All heavy atoms as atom14 arrays in JSON, in Angstrom:
{
  "sequence": "SRPVAEVTDVLGLVALARRLILANRDRTERITTGNARRSMQS",
  "atom14_mask": [
    [1, 1, 1, 1, 1, 1, 0, 0, 0, 0, 0, 0, 0, 0],
    [1, 1, 1, 1, 1, 1, 1, 1, 1, 1, 1, 0, 0, 0],
    [1, 1, 1, 1, 1, 1, 1, 0, 0, 0, 0, 0, 0, 0],
    [1, 1, 1, 1, 1, 1, 1, 0, 0, 0, 0, 0, 0, 0],
    [1, 1, 1, 1, 1, 0, 0, 0, 0, 0, 0, 0, 0, 0],
    [1, 1, 1, 1, 1, 1, 1, 1, 1, 0, 0, 0, 0, 0],
    [1, 1, 1, 1, 1, 1, 1, 0, 0, 0, 0, 0, 0, 0],
    [1, 1, 1, 1, 1, 1, 1, 0, 0, 0, 0, 0, 0, 0],
    [1, 1, 1, 1, 1, 1, 1, 1, 0, 0, 0, 0, 0, 0],
    [1, 1, 1, 1, 1, 1, 1, 0, 0, 0, 0, 0, 0, 0],
    [1, 1, 1, 1, 1, 1, 1, 1, 0, 0, 0, 0, 0, 0],
    [1, 1, 1, 1, 0, 0, 0, 0, 0, 0, 0, 0, 0, 0],
    [1, 1, 1, 1, 1, 1, 1, 1, 0, 0, 0, 0, 0, 0],
    [1, 1, 1, 1, 1, 1, 1, 0, 0, 0, 0, 0, 0, 0],
    [1, 1, 1, 1, 1, 0, 0, 0, 0, 0, 0, 0, 0, 0],
    [1, 1, 1, 1, 1, 1, 1, 1, 0, 0, 0, 0, 0, 0],
    [1, 1, 1, 1, 1, 0, 0, 0, 0, 0, 0, 0, 0, 0],
    [1, 1, 1, 1, 1, 1, 1, 1, 1, 1, 1, 0, 0, 0],
    [1, 1, 1, 1, 1, 1, 1, 1, 1, 1, 1, 0, 0, 0],
    [1, 1, 1, 1, 1, 1, 1, 1, 0, 0, 0, 0, 0, 0],
    [1, 1, 1, 1, 1, 1, 1, 1, 0, 0, 0, 0, 0, 0],
    [1, 1, 1, 1, 1, 1, 1, 1, 0, 0, 0, 0, 0, 0],
    [1, 1, 1, 1, 1, 0, 0, 0, 0, 0, 0, 0, 0, 0],
    [1, 1, 1, 1, 1, 1, 1, 1, 0, 0, 0, 0, 0, 0],
    [1, 1, 1, 1, 1, 1, 1, 1, 1, 1, 1, 0, 0, 0],
    [1, 1, 1, 1, 1, 1, 1, 1, 0, 0, 0, 0, 0, 0],
    [1, 1, 1, 1, 1, 1, 1, 1, 1, 1, 1, 0, 0, 0],
    [1, 1, 1, 1, 1, 1, 1, 0, 0, 0, 0, 0, 0, 0],
    [1, 1, 1, 1, 1, 1, 1, 1, 1, 0, 0, 0, 0, 0],
    [1, 1, 1, 1, 1, 1, 1, 1, 1, 1, 1, 0, 0, 0],
    [1, 1, 1, 1, 1, 1, 1, 1, 0, 0, 0, 0, 0, 0],
    [1, 1, 1, 1, 1, 1, 1, 0, 0, 0, 0, 0, 0, 0],
    [1, 1, 1, 1, 1, 1, 1, 0, 0, 0, 0, 0, 0, 0],
    [1, 1, 1, 1, 0, 0, 0, 0, 0, 0, 0, 0, 0, 0],
    [1, 1, 1, 1, 1, 1, 1, 1, 0, 0, 0, 0, 0, 0],
    [1, 1, 1, 1, 1, 0, 0, 0, 0, 0, 0, 0, 0, 0],
    [1, 1, 1, 1, 1, 1, 1, 1, 1, 1, 1, 0, 0, 0],
    [1, 1, 1, 1, 1, 1, 1, 1, 1, 1, 1, 0, 0, 0],
    [1, 1, 1, 1, 1, 1, 0, 0, 0, 0, 0, 0, 0, 0],
    [1, 1, 1, 1, 1, 1, 1, 1, 0, 0, 0, 0, 0, 0],
    [1, 1, 1, 1, 1, 1, 1, 1, 1, 0, 0, 0, 0, 0],
    [1, 1, 1, 1, 1, 1, 0, 0, 0, 0, 0, 0, 0, 0]
  ],
  "atom14_positions": [
    [[0.8, -1.23, 0.0], [0.0, 0.0, 0.0], [0.83, 1.28, 0.0], [0.27, 2.38, -0.05], [-0.92, 0.01, 1.23], [-0.16, -0.12, 2.42], [0.0, 0.0, 0.0], [0.0, 0.0, 0.0], [0.0, 0.0, 0.0], [0.0, 0.0, 0.0], [0.0, 0.0, 0.0], [0.0, 0.0, 0.0], [0.0, 0.0, 0.0], [0.0, 0.0, 0.0]],
    [[2.16, 1.17, 0.04], [2.97, 2.39, 0.07], [2.79, 3.18, -1.22], [2.92, 2.63, -2.32], [4.45, 2.08, 0.26], [5.29, 3.35, 0.47], [6.78, 3.13, 0.38], [7.31, 2.36, 1.49], [8.62, 2.29, 1.77], [9.48, 2.96, 1.01], [9.04, 1.57, 2.78], [0.0, 0.0, 0.0], [0.0, 0.0, 0.0], [0.0, 0.0, 0.0]],
    [[2.51, 4.48, -1.14], [2.34, 5.29, -2.36], [3.63, 5.34, -3.18], [4.73, 5.32, -2.63], [1.98, 6.68, -1.83], [1.49, 6.45, -0.43], [2.25, 5.26, 0.08], [0.0, 0.0, 0.0], [0.0, 0.0, 0.0], [0.0, 0.0, 0.0], [0.0, 0.0, 0.0], [0.0, 0.0, 0.0], [0.0, 0.0, 0.0], [0.0, 0.0, 0.0]],
    [[3.48, 5.44, -4.47], [4.64, 5.52, -5.36], [5.56, 6.68, -4.95], [6.79, 6.55, -4.98], [4.19, 5.69, -6.82], [5.38, 5.96, -7.72], [3.44, 4.45, -7.29], [0.0, 0.0, 0.0], [0.0, 0.0, 0.0], [0.0, 0.0, 0.0], [0.0, 0.0, 0.0], [0.0, 0.0, 0.0], [0.0, 0.0, 0.0], [0.0, 0.0, 0.0]],
    [[4.97, 7.8, -4.52], [5.76, 8.97, -4.15], [6.71, 8.69, -2.99], [7.71, 9.39, -2.82], [4.83, 10.13, -3.79], [0.0, 0.0, 0.0], [0.0, 0.0, 0.0], [0.0, 0.0, 0.0], [0.0, 0.0, 0.0], [0.0, 0.0, 0.0], [0.0, 0.0, 0.0], [0.0, 0.0, 0.0], [0.0, 0.0, 0.0], [0.0, 0.0, 0.0]],
    [[6.4, 7.67, -2.18], [7.24, 7.36, -1.02], [8.25, 6.24, -1.3], [8.93, 5.78, -0.39], [6.35, 7.0, 0.17], [5.48, 8.16, 0.64], [4.59, 7.78, 1.81], [4.84, 6.73, 2.43], [3.65, 8.54, 2.09], [0.0, 0.0, 0.0], [0.0, 0.0, 0.0], [0.0, 0.0, 0.0], [0.0, 0.0, 0.0], [0.0, 0.0, 0.0]],
    [[8.33, 5.8, -2.54], [9.34, 4.82, -2.95], [10.59, 5.59, -3.35], [10.56, 6.36, -4.31], [8.83, 3.94, -4.1], [9.91, 2.96, -4.55], [7.57, 3.19, -3.68], [0.0, 0.0, 0.0], [0.0, 0.0, 0.0], [0.0, 0.0, 0.0], [0.0, 0.0, 0.0], [0.0, 0.0, 0.0], [0.0, 0.0, 0.0], [0.0, 0.0, 0.0]],
    [[11.67, 5.39, -2.63], [12.84, 6.25, -2.83], [13.65, 5.89, -4.07], [14.39, 6.73, -4.58], [13.77, 6.17, -1.6], [14.13, 4.8, -1.36], [13.06, 6.72, -0.37], [0.0, 0.0, 0.0], [0.0, 0.0, 0.0], [0.0, 0.0, 0.0], [0.0, 0.0, 0.0], [0.0, 0.0, 0.0], [0.0, 0.0, 0.0], [0.0, 0.0, 0.0]],
    [[13.53, 4.66, -4.56], [14.34, 4.25, -5.72], [13.48, 3.47, -6.69], [13.56, 2.25, -6.77], [15.53, 3.41, -5.24], [16.48, 3.03, -6.38], [16.32, 3.57, -7.49], [17.36, 2.18, -6.15], [0.0, 0.0, 0.0], [0.0, 0.0, 0.0], [0.0, 0.0, 0.0], [0.0, 0.0, 0.0], [0.0, 0.0, 0.0], [0.0, 0.0, 0.0]],
    [[12.66, 4.19, -7.44], [11.76, 3.53, -8.4], [12.56, 2.87, -9.51], [12.23, 1.77, -9.96], [10.75, 4.55, -8.97], [9.86, 3.89, -10.03], [9.89, 5.12, -7.85], [0.0, 0.0, 0.0], [0.0, 0.0, 0.0], [0.0, 0.0, 0.0], [0.0, 0.0, 0.0], [0.0, 0.0, 0.0], [0.0, 0.0, 0.0], [0.0, 0.0, 0.0]],
    [[13.64, 3.52, -9.95], [14.47, 2.93, -10.99], [15.07, 1.6, -10.53], [15.12, 0.63, -11.29], [15.58, 3.9, -11.4], [16.52, 3.41, -12.51], [15.74, 3.09, -13.79], [17.61, 4.44, -12.79], [0.0, 0.0, 0.0], [0.0, 0.0, 0.0], [0.0, 0.0, 0.0], [0.0, 0.0, 0.0], [0.0, 0.0, 0.0], [0.0, 0.0, 0.0]],
    [[15.53, 1.55, -9.29], [16.08, 0.3, -8.76], [15.03, -0.79, -8.68], [15.32, -1.97, -8.94], [0.0, 0.0, 0.0], [0.0, 0.0, 0.0], [0.0, 0.0, 0.0], [0.0, 0.0, 0.0], [0.0, 0.0, 0.0], [0.0, 0.0, 0.0], [0.0, 0.0, 0.0], [0.0, 0.0, 0.0], [0.0, 0.0, 0.0], [0.0, 0.0, 0.0]],
    [[13.81, -0.41, -8.33], [12.7, -1.37, -8.27], [12.4, -1.94, -9.65], [12.23, -3.15, -9.83], [11.47, -0.68, -7.69], [10.18, -1.49, -7.62], [10.34, -2.7, -6.7], [9.03, -0.59, -7.13], [0.0, 0.0, 0.0], [0.0, 0.0, 0.0], [0.0, 0.0, 0.0], [0.0, 0.0, 0.0], [0.0, 0.0, 0.0], [0.0, 0.0, 0.0]],
    [[12.37, -1.06, -10.64], [12.12, -1.48, -12.02], [13.24, -2.37, -12.53], [13.0, -3.38, -13.21], [11.93, -0.23, -12.91], [12.01, -0.6, -14.38], [10.59, 0.44, -12.6], [0.0, 0.0, 0.0], [0.0, 0.0, 0.0], [0.0, 0.0, 0.0], [0.0, 0.0, 0.0], [0.0, 0.0, 0.0], [0.0, 0.0, 0.0], [0.0, 0.0, 0.0]],
    [[14.47, -2.02, -12.2], [15.62, -2.85, -12.62], [15.54, -4.24, -12.01], [15.84, -5.24, -12.68], [16.93, -2.16, -12.23], [0.0, 0.0, 0.0], [0.0, 0.0, 0.0], [0.0, 0.0, 0.0], [0.0, 0.0, 0.0], [0.0, 0.0, 0.0], [0.0, 0.0, 0.0], [0.0, 0.0, 0.0], [0.0, 0.0, 0.0], [0.0, 0.0, 0.0]],
    [[15.13, -4.33, -10.75], [15.0, -5.63, -10.1], [13.88, -6.44, -10.75], [14.01, -7.65, -10.94], [14.73, -5.44, -8.61], [14.52, -6.73, -7.81], [15.74, -7.65, -7.92], [14.21, -6.4, -6.34], [0.0, 0.0, 0.0], [0.0, 0.0, 0.0], [0.0, 0.0, 0.0], [0.0, 0.0, 0.0], [0.0, 0.0, 0.0], [0.0, 0.0, 0.0]],
    [[12.77, -5.77, -11.1], [11.68, -6.47, -11.77], [12.16, -7.11, -13.07], [11.84, -8.27, -13.37], [10.54, -5.49, -12.06], [0.0, 0.0, 0.0], [0.0, 0.0, 0.0], [0.0, 0.0, 0.0], [0.0, 0.0, 0.0], [0.0, 0.0, 0.0], [0.0, 0.0, 0.0], [0.0, 0.0, 0.0], [0.0, 0.0, 0.0], [0.0, 0.0, 0.0]],
    [[12.95, -6.39, -13.82], [13.47, -6.94, -15.08], [14.43, -8.09, -14.82], [14.38, -9.12, -15.52], [14.15, -5.85, -15.9], [14.73, -6.37, -17.22], [14.96, -5.24, -18.19], [15.85, -5.6, -19.27], [15.5, -6.28, -20.36], [14.25, -6.71, -20.51], [16.38, -6.55, -21.31], [0.0, 0.0, 0.0], [0.0, 0.0, 0.0], [0.0, 0.0, 0.0]],
    [[15.29, -7.96, -13.82], [16.23, -9.05, -13.53], [15.48, -10.32, -13.12], [15.84, -11.43, -13.54], [17.2, -8.64, -12.41], [18.23, -7.61, -12.83], [19.44, -7.6, -11.91], [19.09, -7.38, -10.53], [18.95, -6.17, -9.97], [19.09, -5.07, -10.72], [18.66, -6.06, -8.7], [0.0, 0.0, 0.0], [0.0, 0.0, 0.0], [0.0, 0.0, 0.0]],
    [[14.45, -10.17, -12.31], [13.69, -11.33, -11.85], [12.99, -12.05, -13.0], [13.04, -13.27, -13.11], [12.65, -10.9, -10.81], [13.09, -10.77, -9.36], [11.89, -10.37, -8.51], [13.69, -12.07, -8.84], [0.0, 0.0, 0.0], [0.0, 0.0, 0.0], [0.0, 0.0, 0.0], [0.0, 0.0, 0.0], [0.0, 0.0, 0.0], [0.0, 0.0, 0.0]],
    [[12.32, -11.28, -13.84], [11.55, -11.91, -14.91], [12.47, -12.49, -15.98], [12.18, -13.55, -16.56], [10.51, -10.93, -15.49], [9.39, -11.71, -16.2], [11.14, -9.88, -16.4], [8.18, -10.86, -16.54], [0.0, 0.0, 0.0], [0.0, 0.0, 0.0], [0.0, 0.0, 0.0], [0.0, 0.0, 0.0], [0.0, 0.0, 0.0], [0.0, 0.0, 0.0]],
    [[13.61, -11.84, -16.22], [14.59, -12.41, -17.16], [15.15, -13.73, -16.62], [15.35, -14.68, -17.38], [15.74, -11.43, -17.4], [15.51, -10.33, -18.42], [16.67, -9.33, -18.39], [15.34, -10.9, -19.82], [0.0, 0.0, 0.0], [0.0, 0.0, 0.0], [0.0, 0.0, 0.0], [0.0, 0.0, 0.0], [0.0, 0.0, 0.0], [0.0, 0.0, 0.0]],
    [[15.4, -13.79, -15.32], [15.95, -15.0, -14.72], [14.98, -16.17, -14.81], [15.4, -17.33, -14.77], [16.32, -14.74, -13.26], [0.0, 0.0, 0.0], [0.0, 0.0, 0.0], [0.0, 0.0, 0.0], [0.0, 0.0, 0.0], [0.0, 0.0, 0.0], [0.0, 0.0, 0.0], [0.0, 0.0, 0.0], [0.0, 0.0, 0.0], [0.0, 0.0, 0.0]],
    [[13.69, -15.86, -14.93], [12.67, -16.92, -14.91], [12.06, -17.22, -16.27], [11.29, -18.17, -16.39], [11.55, -16.54, -13.94], [11.93, -16.77, -12.49], [12.0, -17.89, -12.03], [12.21, -15.68, -11.78], [0.0, 0.0, 0.0], [0.0, 0.0, 0.0], [0.0, 0.0, 0.0], [0.0, 0.0, 0.0], [0.0, 0.0, 0.0], [0.0, 0.0, 0.0]],
    [[12.4, -16.46, -17.29], [11.68, -16.6, -18.55], [11.89, -17.96, -19.21], [11.03, -18.41, -19.99], [12.07, -15.49, -19.53], [13.46, -15.6, -20.09], [13.73, -14.51, -21.1], [15.04, -14.7, -21.71], [15.56, -13.88, -22.61], [14.87, -12.81, -23.01], [16.75, -14.11, -23.12], [0.0, 0.0, 0.0], [0.0, 0.0, 0.0], [0.0, 0.0, 0.0]],
    [[12.99, -18.64, -18.91], [13.25, -19.94, -19.52], [13.01, -21.1, -18.55], [13.33, -22.25, -18.85], [14.69, -20.0, -20.04], [14.96, -18.97, -21.12], [14.06, -18.75, -21.95], [16.05, -18.37, -21.11], [0.0, 0.0, 0.0], [0.0, 0.0, 0.0], [0.0, 0.0, 0.0], [0.0, 0.0, 0.0], [0.0, 0.0, 0.0], [0.0, 0.0, 0.0]],
    [[12.44, -20.8, -17.38], [12.16, -21.83, -16.38], [10.69, -22.21, -16.4], [9.83, -21.36, -16.61], [12.5, -21.33, -14.97], [13.96, -21.08, -14.69], [14.11, -20.42, -13.32], [15.5, -20.24, -12.95], [15.91, -19.38, -12.02], [15.03, -18.64, -11.38], [17.19, -19.27, -11.73], [0.0, 0.0, 0.0], [0.0, 0.0, 0.0], [0.0, 0.0, 0.0]],
    [[10.41, -23.46, -16.12], [9.01, -23.87, -15.97], [8.52, -23.63, -14.55], [7.32, -23.5, -14.31], [8.83, -25.36, -16.31], [9.72, -26.14, -15.51], [9.14, -25.61, -17.78], [0.0, 0.0, 0.0], [0.0, 0.0, 0.0], [0.0, 0.0, 0.0], [0.0, 0.0, 0.0], [0.0, 0.0, 0.0], [0.0, 0.0, 0.0], [0.0, 0.0, 0.0]],
    [[9.45, -23.56, -13.58], [9.12, -23.25, -12.2], [9.69, -21.88, -11.86], [10.89, -21.66, -11.95], [9.71, -24.3, -11.25], [9.15, -25.71, -11.44], [7.76, -25.87, -10.85], [7.36, -25.01, -10.03], [7.08, -26.85, -11.2], [0.0, 0.0, 0.0], [0.0, 0.0, 0.0], [0.0, 0.0, 0.0], [0.0, 0.0, 0.0], [0.0, 0.0, 0.0]],
    [[8.82, -20.95, -11.45], [9.26, -19.59, -11.15], [9.93, -19.56, -9.78], [9.39, -20.06, -8.79], [8.07, -18.64, -11.19], [8.43, -17.17, -11.04], [7.21, -16.29, -11.14], [6.6, -16.38, -12.46], [5.4, -16.88, -12.69], [4.67, -17.35, -11.7], [4.91, -16.91, -13.92], [0.0, 0.0, 0.0], [0.0, 0.0, 0.0], [0.0, 0.0, 0.0]],
    [[11.11, -18.94, -9.7], [11.88, -18.88, -8.45], [12.28, -17.42, -8.19], [12.87, -16.77, -9.05], [13.16, -19.75, -8.54], [12.8, -21.2, -8.85], [13.96, -19.65, -7.24], [14.0, -22.04, -9.25], [0.0, 0.0, 0.0], [0.0, 0.0, 0.0], [0.0, 0.0, 0.0], [0.0, 0.0, 0.0], [0.0, 0.0, 0.0], [0.0, 0.0, 0.0]],
    [[11.96, -16.92, -7.0], [12.39, -15.57, -6.64], [13.31, -15.57, -5.43], [13.88, -14.54, -5.09], [11.17, -14.68, -6.34], [10.39, -15.29, -5.3], [10.3, -14.5, -7.58], [0.0, 0.0, 0.0], [0.0, 0.0, 0.0], [0.0, 0.0, 0.0], [0.0, 0.0, 0.0], [0.0, 0.0, 0.0], [0.0, 0.0, 0.0], [0.0, 0.0, 0.0]],
    [[13.47, -16.72, -4.78], [14.3, -16.81, -3.58], [15.72, -17.29, -3.88], [16.6, -17.21, -3.01], [13.68, -17.79, -2.57], [13.58, -19.08, -3.19], [12.3, -17.32, -2.12], [0.0, 0.0, 0.0], [0.0, 0.0, 0.0], [0.0, 0.0, 0.0], [0.0, 0.0, 0.0], [0.0, 0.0, 0.0], [0.0, 0.0, 0.0], [0.0, 0.0, 0.0]],
    [[15.91, -17.86, -5.06], [17.18, -18.49, -5.37], [17.23, -19.94, -4.95], [18.24, -20.62, -5.17], [0.0, 0.0, 0.0], [0.0, 0.0, 0.0], [0.0, 0.0, 0.0], [0.0, 0.0, 0.0], [0.0, 0.0, 0.0], [0.0, 0.0, 0.0], [0.0, 0.0, 0.0], [0.0, 0.0, 0.0], [0.0, 0.0, 0.0], [0.0, 0.0, 0.0]],
    [[16.15, -20.43, -4.34], [16.07, -21.81, -3.87], [15.06, -22.56, -4.72], [13.87, -22.25, -4.68], [15.67, -21.85, -2.4], [15.81, -23.23, -1.78], [15.73, -24.25, -2.46], [16.02, -23.26, -0.47], [0.0, 0.0, 0.0], [0.0, 0.0, 0.0], [0.0, 0.0, 0.0], [0.0, 0.0, 0.0], [0.0, 0.0, 0.0], [0.0, 0.0, 0.0]],
    [[15.51, -23.55, -5.47], [14.63, -24.25, -6.41], [13.8, -25.35, -5.76], [12.95, -25.94, -6.42], [15.47, -24.85, -7.54], [0.0, 0.0, 0.0], [0.0, 0.0, 0.0], [0.0, 0.0, 0.0], [0.0, 0.0, 0.0], [0.0, 0.0, 0.0], [0.0, 0.0, 0.0], [0.0, 0.0, 0.0], [0.0, 0.0, 0.0], [0.0, 0.0, 0.0]],
    [[14.02, -25.63, -4.48], [13.24, -26.69, -3.84], [11.77, -26.29, -3.75], [11.45, -25.15, -3.44], [13.78, -26.99, -2.44], [15.12, -27.74, -2.44], [15.47, -28.15, -1.03], [15.62, -27.0, -0.14], [15.64, -27.08, 1.18], [15.51, -28.24, 1.78], [15.81, -25.99, 1.91], [0.0, 0.0, 0.0], [0.0, 0.0, 0.0], [0.0, 0.0, 0.0]],
    [[10.9, -27.26, -4.0], [9.47, -26.98, -3.94], [9.1, -26.5, -2.54], [9.61, -26.98, -1.55], [8.68, -28.25, -4.28], [7.2, -27.99, -4.6], [6.56, -29.22, -5.21], [7.15, -29.57, -6.49], [6.82, -29.01, -7.64], [5.93, -28.05, -7.67], [7.4, -29.41, -8.76], [0.0, 0.0, 0.0], [0.0, 0.0, 0.0], [0.0, 0.0, 0.0]],
    [[8.22, -25.52, -2.51], [7.76, -24.82, -1.29], [8.76, -23.8, -0.78], [8.5, -23.1, 0.19], [7.4, -25.8, -0.16], [8.54, -26.22, 0.55], [0.0, 0.0, 0.0], [0.0, 0.0, 0.0], [0.0, 0.0, 0.0], [0.0, 0.0, 0.0], [0.0, 0.0, 0.0], [0.0, 0.0, 0.0], [0.0, 0.0, 0.0], [0.0, 0.0, 0.0]],
    [[9.91, -23.68, -1.46], [10.93, -22.71, -1.05], [11.17, -21.65, -2.13], [12.11, -20.87, -2.03], [12.25, -23.43, -0.74], [12.18, -24.39, 0.43], [11.85, -23.55, 2.01], [13.36, -22.62, 2.22], [0.0, 0.0, 0.0], [0.0, 0.0, 0.0], [0.0, 0.0, 0.0], [0.0, 0.0, 0.0], [0.0, 0.0, 0.0], [0.0, 0.0, 0.0]],
    [[10.34, -21.6, -3.14], [10.62, -20.79, -4.33], [10.18, -19.34, -4.22], [10.61, -18.51, -5.0], [9.98, -21.45, -5.54], [10.56, -22.84, -5.83], [9.69, -23.64, -6.77], [8.48, -23.48, -6.83], [10.31, -24.55, -7.52], [0.0, 0.0, 0.0], [0.0, 0.0, 0.0], [0.0, 0.0, 0.0], [0.0, 0.0, 0.0], [0.0, 0.0, 0.0]],
    [[9.31, -19.02, -3.25], [8.84, -17.64, -3.12], [9.03, -17.13, -1.7], [9.1, -17.91, -0.74], [7.36, -17.53, -3.51], [6.55, -18.29, -2.62], [0.0, 0.0, 0.0], [0.0, 0.0, 0.0], [0.0, 0.0, 0.0], [0.0, 0.0, 0.0], [0.0, 0.0, 0.0], [0.0, 0.0, 0.0], [0.0, 0.0, 0.0], [0.0, 0.0, 0.0]]
  ]
}
C-alpha cells in the first residue's frame, strides 16, 4: 500500500523487476528466492 511517491528508488525497483523476470523466462518453475526446492521458491 505504500504510495509511489514514497518509494525512494523507483528505478532500482524497475531494474529488479526486469532481472527477476529475465531469470525466470526460460524456467518452468518460477523462483524468486534463489532456492529451487518446492515450497521454497517464493
